[in-house]
Protein backbone atom coordinates (compact mmCIF):
# COMPACT_ATOMS: atom_id res chain seq x y z
CA UNK A 1 -10.79 7.52 53.35
CA UNK A 2 -9.78 9.16 56.61
CA UNK A 3 -12.12 11.25 58.76
CA UNK A 4 -10.12 14.34 57.82
CA UNK A 5 -10.74 13.93 54.16
CA UNK A 6 -14.45 13.34 54.75
CA UNK A 7 -14.68 16.60 56.62
CA UNK A 8 -12.55 18.33 53.99
CA UNK A 9 -15.28 17.65 51.46
CA UNK A 10 -18.26 18.59 53.62
CA UNK A 11 -18.39 22.05 52.04
CA UNK A 12 -19.39 20.37 48.81
CA UNK A 13 -22.42 18.82 50.49
CA UNK A 14 -23.27 22.16 52.10
CA UNK A 15 -22.76 23.99 48.77
CA UNK A 16 -25.11 21.53 46.98
CA UNK A 17 -27.75 21.94 49.69
CA UNK A 18 -27.49 25.78 49.39
CA UNK A 19 -27.75 25.65 45.62
CA UNK A 20 -30.68 23.17 45.78
CA UNK A 21 -32.50 25.58 48.06
CA UNK A 22 -31.74 28.38 45.55
CA UNK A 23 -33.11 26.30 42.68
CA UNK A 24 -36.25 25.42 44.67
CA UNK A 25 -36.57 29.07 45.83
CA UNK A 26 -36.46 28.05 49.49
CA UNK A 27 -35.26 31.49 50.50
CA UNK A 28 -34.93 31.11 54.25
CA UNK A 29 -33.19 27.73 54.21
CA UNK A 30 -30.95 28.82 51.28
CA UNK A 31 -29.96 31.94 53.13
CA UNK A 32 -29.26 30.00 56.34
CA UNK A 33 -26.99 27.59 54.41
CA UNK A 34 -24.64 30.48 53.50
CA UNK A 35 -22.92 30.67 56.89
CA UNK A 36 -22.00 26.99 57.32
CA UNK A 37 -21.00 26.68 53.67
CA UNK A 38 -18.65 29.65 53.72
CA UNK A 39 -17.55 28.88 57.28
CA UNK A 40 -16.34 25.36 56.40
CA UNK A 41 -14.68 26.68 53.20
CA UNK A 42 -12.85 29.39 55.18
CA UNK A 43 -11.77 26.82 57.78
CA UNK A 44 -10.37 24.52 55.13
CA UNK A 45 -8.50 27.44 53.45
CA UNK A 46 -7.07 28.56 56.83
CA UNK A 47 -6.08 24.98 57.65
CA UNK A 48 -4.19 24.66 54.32
CA UNK A 49 -2.21 27.93 54.38
CA UNK A 50 1.13 26.05 54.47
CA UNK A 51 0.15 23.86 51.51
CA UNK A 52 -0.10 24.49 47.79
CA UNK A 53 -3.81 23.58 47.84
CA UNK A 54 -4.48 26.76 49.82
CA UNK A 55 -4.88 28.68 46.58
CA UNK A 56 -7.55 26.27 45.40
CA UNK A 57 -9.31 26.40 48.77
CA UNK A 58 -9.22 30.25 48.65
CA UNK A 59 -10.74 30.12 45.16
CA UNK A 60 -13.55 27.92 46.54
CA UNK A 61 -14.16 30.52 49.25
CA UNK A 62 -14.44 33.30 46.70
CA UNK A 63 -16.65 31.15 44.43
CA UNK A 64 -19.10 30.28 47.19
CA UNK A 65 -19.18 33.92 48.34
CA UNK A 66 -19.99 35.13 44.84
CA UNK A 67 -22.57 32.38 44.40
CA UNK A 68 -24.20 33.17 47.72
CA UNK A 69 -24.29 36.91 46.96
CA UNK A 70 -25.94 36.21 43.60
CA UNK A 71 -28.51 33.94 45.27
CA UNK A 72 -29.43 36.56 47.85
CA UNK A 73 -29.76 39.25 45.11
CA UNK A 74 -32.30 37.03 43.40
CA UNK A 75 -34.10 36.22 46.63
CA UNK A 76 -34.61 39.86 47.57
CA UNK A 77 -35.44 40.98 43.99
CA UNK A 78 -32.30 43.06 43.56
CA UNK A 79 -30.99 41.24 40.50
CA UNK A 80 -29.64 44.52 39.09
CA UNK A 81 -26.77 44.14 41.66
CA UNK A 82 -25.91 40.52 40.95
CA UNK A 83 -23.14 41.56 38.52
CA UNK A 84 -21.10 42.61 41.54
CA UNK A 85 -20.67 38.84 42.12
CA UNK A 86 -18.06 39.13 39.35
CA UNK A 87 -15.53 40.58 41.77
CA UNK A 88 -15.28 37.48 44.03
CA UNK A 89 -15.51 35.30 40.90
CA UNK A 90 -12.56 37.18 39.50
CA UNK A 91 -10.61 36.75 42.74
CA UNK A 92 -11.33 33.07 42.60
CA UNK A 93 -9.92 32.90 39.06
CA UNK A 94 -6.89 34.82 40.20
CA UNK A 95 -6.39 32.37 43.10
CA UNK A 96 -6.48 29.43 40.64
CA UNK A 97 -4.00 31.21 38.39
CA UNK A 98 -1.63 31.71 41.36
CA UNK A 99 -1.99 28.00 42.18
CA UNK A 100 -0.95 26.93 38.65
CA UNK A 101 1.75 29.55 38.24
CA UNK A 102 3.30 28.58 41.58
CA UNK A 103 3.22 24.91 40.74
CA UNK A 104 4.80 25.59 37.39
CA UNK A 105 7.61 27.68 38.94
CA UNK A 106 8.33 25.12 41.69
CA UNK A 107 8.40 22.09 39.36
CA UNK A 108 11.89 20.83 38.50
CA UNK A 109 12.88 21.25 34.85
CA UNK A 110 12.77 17.92 32.95
CA UNK A 111 16.08 16.93 31.28
């Protein structure tokens, strides 16, 4: 495994750390984990703009954003607003749909 691919997966570690803080209700640490988690995900998406995987990386950005928003709503006792996390979740699903539709269109037809 190259160093690049190790870094490319660091957002998963950060995401797991953020969600573990959420589960354990470590509000300060969980909230602090938002910036590096989204930051790395955005970096990876920006780095992959010329590749097909961009759409999956973009979906991950939306997913982590929605997830972080929901976490903060719970941390500050504003759970009545957590449903707004549905917007970035929907954008993530749309990004995944674009990924699969683009790959289907660009595949050669089997004969």
